[in-house]
């Protein structure tokens, strides 16, 4: 595992700015970008959701985002983070190939679409 940690992207944070006056009215929202890979079918998947509602999935055979609603079609065509998605895919598959055999039988097997709560 330690040999693969160098593959993790660097964390970038925006500089702190002045606190806006409307901050007292802020609500918590959750954006989920969930990628998984496994040895069985489907071998890889990506889902993006906002407050629990799916916005996009990613079709790796076509290398494109698939919007859940037609209104999101314009956003789905923007390739801004496609390189990051392919990096995550390669990293995930590398973890399965390099680390998976060493942990065989030590980690419980989970099947199905992962549900993430952050």
N, C-alpha and C. Protein backbone atom coordinates (compact mmCIF):
# COMPACT_ATOMS: atom_id res chain seq x y z
N UNK A 1 0.83 -1.20 0.00
CA UNK A 1 0.00 0.00 0.00
C UNK A 1 0.87 1.26 0.00
N UNK A 2 1.94 1.24 0.77
CA UNK A 2 2.78 2.43 0.85
C UNK A 2 3.44 2.77 -0.48
N UNK A 3 3.69 1.75 -1.28
CA UNK A 3 4.30 2.00 -2.59
C UNK A 3 3.35 2.75 -3.52
N UNK A 4 2.05 2.63 -3.30
CA UNK A 4 1.07 3.26 -4.18
C UNK A 4 0.58 4.61 -3.67
N UNK A 5 0.92 4.99 -2.46
CA UNK A 5 0.44 6.24 -1.91
C UNK A 5 0.94 7.46 -2.68
N UNK A 6 2.06 7.36 -3.34
CA UNK A 6 2.56 8.49 -4.11
C UNK A 6 1.64 8.82 -5.27
N UNK A 7 0.76 7.90 -5.61
CA UNK A 7 -0.17 8.14 -6.71
C UNK A 7 -1.32 9.06 -6.32
N UNK A 8 -1.55 9.22 -5.03
CA UNK A 8 -2.66 10.07 -4.59
C UNK A 8 -2.42 11.50 -5.04
N UNK A 9 -3.46 12.15 -5.55
CA UNK A 9 -3.28 13.54 -5.99
C UNK A 9 -3.06 14.46 -4.79
N UNK A 10 -2.40 15.57 -5.04
CA UNK A 10 -2.16 16.54 -3.99
C UNK A 10 -3.47 17.23 -3.62
N UNK A 11 -3.62 17.52 -2.37
CA UNK A 11 -4.80 18.22 -1.89
C UNK A 11 -4.60 19.71 -2.09
N UNK A 12 -5.58 20.33 -2.70
CA UNK A 12 -5.50 21.77 -2.94
C UNK A 12 -6.66 22.44 -2.22
N UNK A 13 -6.38 23.51 -1.55
CA UNK A 13 -7.43 24.26 -0.89
C UNK A 13 -7.36 25.70 -1.35
N UNK A 14 -8.52 26.32 -1.39
CA UNK A 14 -8.60 27.72 -1.78
C UNK A 14 -8.20 28.59 -0.59
N UNK A 15 -7.59 29.73 -0.85
CA UNK A 15 -7.24 30.62 0.25
C UNK A 15 -8.52 31.13 0.92
N UNK A 16 -8.42 31.32 2.23
CA UNK A 16 -9.59 31.80 2.95
C UNK A 16 -9.85 33.25 2.61
N UNK A 17 -11.12 33.55 2.39
CA UNK A 17 -11.53 34.91 2.11
C UNK A 17 -12.34 35.44 3.27
N UNK A 18 -12.85 36.65 3.14
CA UNK A 18 -13.67 37.20 4.21
C UNK A 18 -14.95 36.40 4.37
N UNK A 19 -15.43 36.33 5.59
CA UNK A 19 -16.67 35.60 5.87
C UNK A 19 -17.85 36.39 5.35
N UNK A 20 -18.68 35.79 4.47
CA UNK A 20 -19.83 36.51 3.93
C UNK A 20 -20.88 36.76 5.01
N UNK A 21 -21.65 37.84 4.82
CA UNK A 21 -22.69 38.20 5.79
C UNK A 21 -23.83 37.19 5.83
N UNK A 22 -24.06 36.48 4.73
CA UNK A 22 -25.18 35.53 4.67
C UNK A 22 -24.83 34.18 5.25
N UNK A 23 -23.67 34.03 5.89
CA UNK A 23 -23.22 32.74 6.38
C UNK A 23 -24.18 32.15 7.42
N UNK A 24 -24.88 32.99 8.17
CA UNK A 24 -25.82 32.48 9.16
C UNK A 24 -26.95 31.69 8.51
N UNK A 25 -27.21 31.91 7.24
CA UNK A 25 -28.31 31.24 6.54
C UNK A 25 -27.85 30.04 5.73
N UNK A 26 -26.58 29.62 5.90
CA UNK A 26 -26.06 28.50 5.12
C UNK A 26 -26.75 27.19 5.49
N UNK A 27 -26.91 26.33 4.50
CA UNK A 27 -27.45 25.00 4.70
C UNK A 27 -26.38 24.00 4.29
N UNK A 28 -26.39 22.85 4.91
CA UNK A 28 -25.45 21.80 4.55
C UNK A 28 -25.96 21.04 3.34
N UNK A 29 -25.08 20.82 2.36
CA UNK A 29 -25.39 20.04 1.18
C UNK A 29 -24.26 19.05 0.97
N UNK A 30 -24.56 17.97 0.30
CA UNK A 30 -23.56 16.93 0.08
C UNK A 30 -23.45 16.61 -1.40
N UNK A 31 -22.22 16.68 -1.93
CA UNK A 31 -21.93 16.22 -3.28
C UNK A 31 -21.13 14.94 -3.14
N UNK A 32 -21.61 13.87 -3.75
CA UNK A 32 -20.95 12.57 -3.67
C UNK A 32 -20.39 12.19 -5.03
N UNK A 33 -19.11 11.92 -5.06
CA UNK A 33 -18.42 11.44 -6.26
C UNK A 33 -17.89 10.06 -5.86
N UNK A 34 -18.61 9.01 -6.25
CA UNK A 34 -18.32 7.66 -5.79
C UNK A 34 -17.81 6.80 -6.94
N UNK A 35 -16.56 6.34 -6.81
CA UNK A 35 -16.00 5.43 -7.80
C UNK A 35 -15.69 4.12 -7.11
N UNK A 36 -15.98 3.02 -7.79
CA UNK A 36 -15.64 1.71 -7.25
C UNK A 36 -15.09 0.85 -8.37
N UNK A 37 -14.28 -0.14 -8.01
CA UNK A 37 -13.82 -1.14 -8.96
C UNK A 37 -13.76 -2.47 -8.23
N UNK A 38 -13.93 -3.52 -8.98
CA UNK A 38 -13.98 -4.87 -8.41
C UNK A 38 -13.63 -5.88 -9.49
N UNK A 39 -13.42 -7.10 -9.07
CA UNK A 39 -13.02 -8.15 -10.02
C UNK A 39 -14.19 -8.74 -10.80
N UNK A 40 -15.41 -8.49 -10.39
CA UNK A 40 -16.57 -9.04 -11.10
C UNK A 40 -17.33 -7.92 -11.79
N UNK A 41 -18.39 -8.25 -12.47
CA UNK A 41 -19.14 -7.28 -13.27
C UNK A 41 -20.19 -6.59 -12.42
N UNK A 42 -20.34 -5.29 -12.55
CA UNK A 42 -19.54 -4.37 -13.34
C UNK A 42 -18.17 -4.16 -12.70
N UNK A 43 -17.15 -4.11 -13.52
CA UNK A 43 -15.79 -4.04 -12.98
C UNK A 43 -15.43 -2.66 -12.45
N UNK A 44 -16.07 -1.62 -12.97
CA UNK A 44 -15.80 -0.25 -12.51
C UNK A 44 -17.05 0.59 -12.67
N UNK A 45 -17.23 1.55 -11.79
CA UNK A 45 -18.39 2.41 -11.87
C UNK A 45 -18.12 3.75 -11.21
N UNK A 46 -18.86 4.74 -11.64
CA UNK A 46 -18.76 6.08 -11.08
C UNK A 46 -20.15 6.69 -11.05
N UNK A 47 -20.49 7.26 -9.93
CA UNK A 47 -21.78 7.92 -9.77
C UNK A 47 -21.55 9.25 -9.06
N UNK A 48 -22.26 10.28 -9.49
CA UNK A 48 -22.19 11.59 -8.84
C UNK A 48 -23.59 11.99 -8.43
N UNK A 49 -23.71 12.41 -7.18
CA UNK A 49 -25.02 12.76 -6.64
C UNK A 49 -24.92 14.03 -5.81
N UNK A 50 -26.02 14.75 -5.74
CA UNK A 50 -26.13 15.95 -4.92
C UNK A 50 -27.29 15.77 -3.98
N UNK A 51 -27.01 15.85 -2.69
CA UNK A 51 -28.03 15.64 -1.65
C UNK A 51 -28.81 14.35 -1.87
N UNK A 52 -28.12 13.30 -2.28
CA UNK A 52 -28.73 11.99 -2.44
C UNK A 52 -29.41 11.74 -3.77
N UNK A 53 -29.52 12.76 -4.61
CA UNK A 53 -30.14 12.60 -5.94
C UNK A 53 -29.04 12.44 -6.98
N UNK A 54 -29.08 11.35 -7.73
CA UNK A 54 -28.05 11.11 -8.73
C UNK A 54 -28.13 12.15 -9.84
N UNK A 55 -26.97 12.72 -10.17
CA UNK A 55 -26.87 13.67 -11.27
C UNK A 55 -26.33 12.98 -12.52
N UNK A 56 -25.19 12.26 -12.35
CA UNK A 56 -24.52 11.63 -13.47
C UNK A 56 -24.01 10.25 -13.08
N UNK A 57 -23.83 9.44 -14.08
CA UNK A 57 -23.01 8.24 -13.96
C UNK A 57 -21.96 8.38 -15.06
N UNK A 58 -21.00 7.48 -15.10
CA UNK A 58 -19.96 7.56 -16.13
C UNK A 58 -19.95 6.26 -16.89
N UNK A 59 -20.04 6.35 -18.22
CA UNK A 59 -19.99 5.18 -19.08
C UNK A 59 -18.55 5.00 -19.54
N UNK A 60 -17.85 4.03 -18.93
CA UNK A 60 -16.44 3.84 -19.24
C UNK A 60 -16.23 3.24 -20.63
N UNK A 61 -17.24 2.58 -21.19
CA UNK A 61 -17.08 2.05 -22.54
C UNK A 61 -17.11 3.17 -23.59
N UNK A 62 -17.82 4.26 -23.28
CA UNK A 62 -17.89 5.41 -24.19
C UNK A 62 -17.04 6.60 -23.71
N UNK A 63 -16.48 6.46 -22.49
CA UNK A 63 -15.68 7.53 -21.88
C UNK A 63 -16.43 8.85 -21.81
N UNK A 64 -17.66 8.80 -21.31
CA UNK A 64 -18.48 10.00 -21.20
C UNK A 64 -19.42 9.91 -20.01
N UNK A 65 -19.79 11.06 -19.51
CA UNK A 65 -20.79 11.14 -18.44
C UNK A 65 -22.17 10.90 -19.03
N UNK A 66 -23.01 10.27 -18.24
CA UNK A 66 -24.39 10.02 -18.65
C UNK A 66 -25.28 10.76 -17.65
N UNK A 67 -26.01 11.80 -18.12
CA UNK A 67 -26.87 12.54 -17.19
C UNK A 67 -28.11 11.73 -16.84
N UNK A 68 -28.55 11.88 -15.59
CA UNK A 68 -29.78 11.21 -15.19
C UNK A 68 -30.99 11.91 -15.80
N UNK A 69 -30.92 13.23 -15.90
CA UNK A 69 -32.00 14.02 -16.48
C UNK A 69 -31.50 14.77 -17.72
N UNK A 70 -32.36 14.97 -18.72
CA UNK A 70 -31.94 15.68 -19.94
C UNK A 70 -31.41 17.09 -19.65
N UNK A 71 -31.89 17.72 -18.58
CA UNK A 71 -31.46 19.08 -18.25
C UNK A 71 -29.96 19.15 -17.92
N UNK A 72 -29.37 18.02 -17.56
CA UNK A 72 -27.96 17.99 -17.19
C UNK A 72 -27.05 17.65 -18.37
N UNK A 73 -27.61 17.52 -19.56
CA UNK A 73 -26.83 17.09 -20.73
C UNK A 73 -25.68 18.03 -21.05
N UNK A 74 -25.88 19.35 -20.92
CA UNK A 74 -24.81 20.30 -21.21
C UNK A 74 -23.64 20.12 -20.25
N UNK A 75 -23.93 19.91 -18.98
CA UNK A 75 -22.87 19.69 -17.99
C UNK A 75 -22.14 18.37 -18.24
N UNK A 76 -22.87 17.38 -18.70
CA UNK A 76 -22.27 16.06 -18.91
C UNK A 76 -21.20 16.09 -20.00
N UNK A 77 -21.32 17.00 -20.95
CA UNK A 77 -20.40 17.05 -22.08
C UNK A 77 -19.10 17.78 -21.76
N UNK A 78 -19.02 18.45 -20.61
CA UNK A 78 -17.80 19.19 -20.27
C UNK A 78 -16.74 18.22 -19.77
N UNK A 79 -15.57 18.19 -20.42
CA UNK A 79 -14.53 17.21 -20.08
C UNK A 79 -13.56 17.68 -18.99
N UNK A 80 -13.93 18.61 -18.14
CA UNK A 80 -13.02 19.21 -17.18
C UNK A 80 -12.25 18.25 -16.30
N UNK A 81 -12.89 17.20 -15.79
CA UNK A 81 -12.19 16.31 -14.86
C UNK A 81 -12.04 14.89 -15.40
N UNK A 82 -12.13 14.72 -16.69
CA UNK A 82 -12.02 13.39 -17.29
C UNK A 82 -10.66 12.76 -16.99
N UNK A 83 -9.60 13.56 -17.01
CA UNK A 83 -8.28 13.00 -16.72
C UNK A 83 -8.21 12.50 -15.27
N UNK A 84 -8.87 13.19 -14.35
CA UNK A 84 -8.91 12.76 -12.96
C UNK A 84 -9.69 11.46 -12.82
N UNK A 85 -10.77 11.32 -13.56
CA UNK A 85 -11.57 10.09 -13.53
C UNK A 85 -10.73 8.91 -14.02
N UNK A 86 -9.96 9.10 -15.08
CA UNK A 86 -9.12 8.02 -15.59
C UNK A 86 -7.97 7.70 -14.64
N UNK A 87 -7.44 8.72 -13.96
CA UNK A 87 -6.42 8.48 -12.94
C UNK A 87 -7.01 7.63 -11.81
N UNK A 88 -8.21 8.02 -11.33
CA UNK A 88 -8.88 7.26 -10.26
C UNK A 88 -9.15 5.82 -10.69
N UNK A 89 -9.55 5.65 -11.94
CA UNK A 89 -9.82 4.30 -12.46
C UNK A 89 -8.55 3.46 -12.43
N UNK A 90 -7.44 4.01 -12.92
CA UNK A 90 -6.18 3.29 -12.94
C UNK A 90 -5.69 3.00 -11.53
N UNK A 91 -5.85 3.96 -10.62
CA UNK A 91 -5.42 3.78 -9.25
C UNK A 91 -6.24 2.67 -8.58
N UNK A 92 -7.54 2.69 -8.78
CA UNK A 92 -8.43 1.68 -8.19
C UNK A 92 -8.07 0.29 -8.70
N UNK A 93 -7.87 0.16 -9.99
CA UNK A 93 -7.53 -1.14 -10.56
C UNK A 93 -6.14 -1.59 -10.12
N UNK A 94 -5.23 -0.64 -9.96
CA UNK A 94 -3.90 -0.96 -9.48
C UNK A 94 -3.95 -1.48 -8.04
N UNK A 95 -4.79 -0.88 -7.23
CA UNK A 95 -4.95 -1.33 -5.84
C UNK A 95 -5.47 -2.77 -5.80
N UNK A 96 -6.41 -3.10 -6.66
CA UNK A 96 -6.95 -4.46 -6.69
C UNK A 96 -5.87 -5.45 -7.10
N UNK A 97 -5.09 -5.11 -8.11
CA UNK A 97 -4.07 -6.03 -8.61
C UNK A 97 -2.88 -6.16 -7.67
N UNK A 98 -2.45 -5.06 -7.05
CA UNK A 98 -1.24 -5.08 -6.23
C UNK A 98 -1.52 -5.47 -4.78
N UNK A 99 -2.59 -4.94 -4.21
CA UNK A 99 -2.86 -5.15 -2.79
C UNK A 99 -3.87 -6.27 -2.56
N UNK A 100 -4.80 -6.41 -3.47
CA UNK A 100 -5.85 -7.41 -3.32
C UNK A 100 -5.36 -8.80 -2.98
N UNK A 101 -4.38 -9.34 -3.70
CA UNK A 101 -3.91 -10.69 -3.39
C UNK A 101 -3.33 -10.82 -1.98
N UNK A 102 -2.74 -9.76 -1.45
CA UNK A 102 -2.15 -9.81 -0.10
C UNK A 102 -3.22 -9.81 0.99
N UNK A 103 -4.41 -9.31 0.67
CA UNK A 103 -5.48 -9.20 1.66
C UNK A 103 -6.59 -10.22 1.43
N UNK A 104 -6.36 -11.17 0.54
CA UNK A 104 -7.35 -12.21 0.23
C UNK A 104 -7.78 -12.92 1.51
N UNK A 105 -9.09 -12.95 1.77
CA UNK A 105 -9.64 -13.62 2.93
C UNK A 105 -9.60 -12.81 4.21
N UNK A 106 -8.96 -11.64 4.19
CA UNK A 106 -8.88 -10.81 5.38
C UNK A 106 -9.90 -9.67 5.39
N UNK A 107 -10.39 -9.30 4.20
CA UNK A 107 -11.37 -8.23 4.09
C UNK A 107 -12.68 -8.83 3.62
N UNK A 108 -13.80 -8.53 4.29
CA UNK A 108 -15.08 -9.07 3.85
C UNK A 108 -15.44 -8.60 2.45
N UNK A 109 -16.07 -9.46 1.68
CA UNK A 109 -16.47 -9.14 0.32
C UNK A 109 -17.83 -8.45 0.36
N UNK A 110 -17.94 -7.34 -0.36
CA UNK A 110 -19.20 -6.61 -0.46
C UNK A 110 -19.61 -6.60 -1.92
N UNK A 111 -20.84 -6.91 -2.18
CA UNK A 111 -21.35 -6.90 -3.56
C UNK A 111 -22.52 -5.95 -3.65
N UNK A 112 -22.62 -5.26 -4.78
CA UNK A 112 -23.70 -4.31 -5.00
C UNK A 112 -23.15 -2.92 -5.20
N UNK A 113 -24.03 -1.97 -5.40
CA UNK A 113 -23.63 -0.58 -5.62
C UNK A 113 -23.35 0.06 -4.28
N UNK A 114 -22.16 0.64 -4.11
CA UNK A 114 -21.82 1.23 -2.81
C UNK A 114 -22.64 2.48 -2.52
N UNK A 115 -23.04 2.65 -1.29
CA UNK A 115 -23.73 3.84 -0.83
C UNK A 115 -22.79 4.56 0.14
N UNK A 116 -22.43 5.79 -0.19
CA UNK A 116 -21.48 6.54 0.61
C UNK A 116 -22.19 7.69 1.30
N UNK A 117 -21.90 7.89 2.57
CA UNK A 117 -22.46 9.01 3.31
C UNK A 117 -21.29 9.75 3.93
N UNK A 118 -21.12 11.02 3.51
CA UNK A 118 -19.99 11.82 4.01
C UNK A 118 -20.53 12.91 4.91
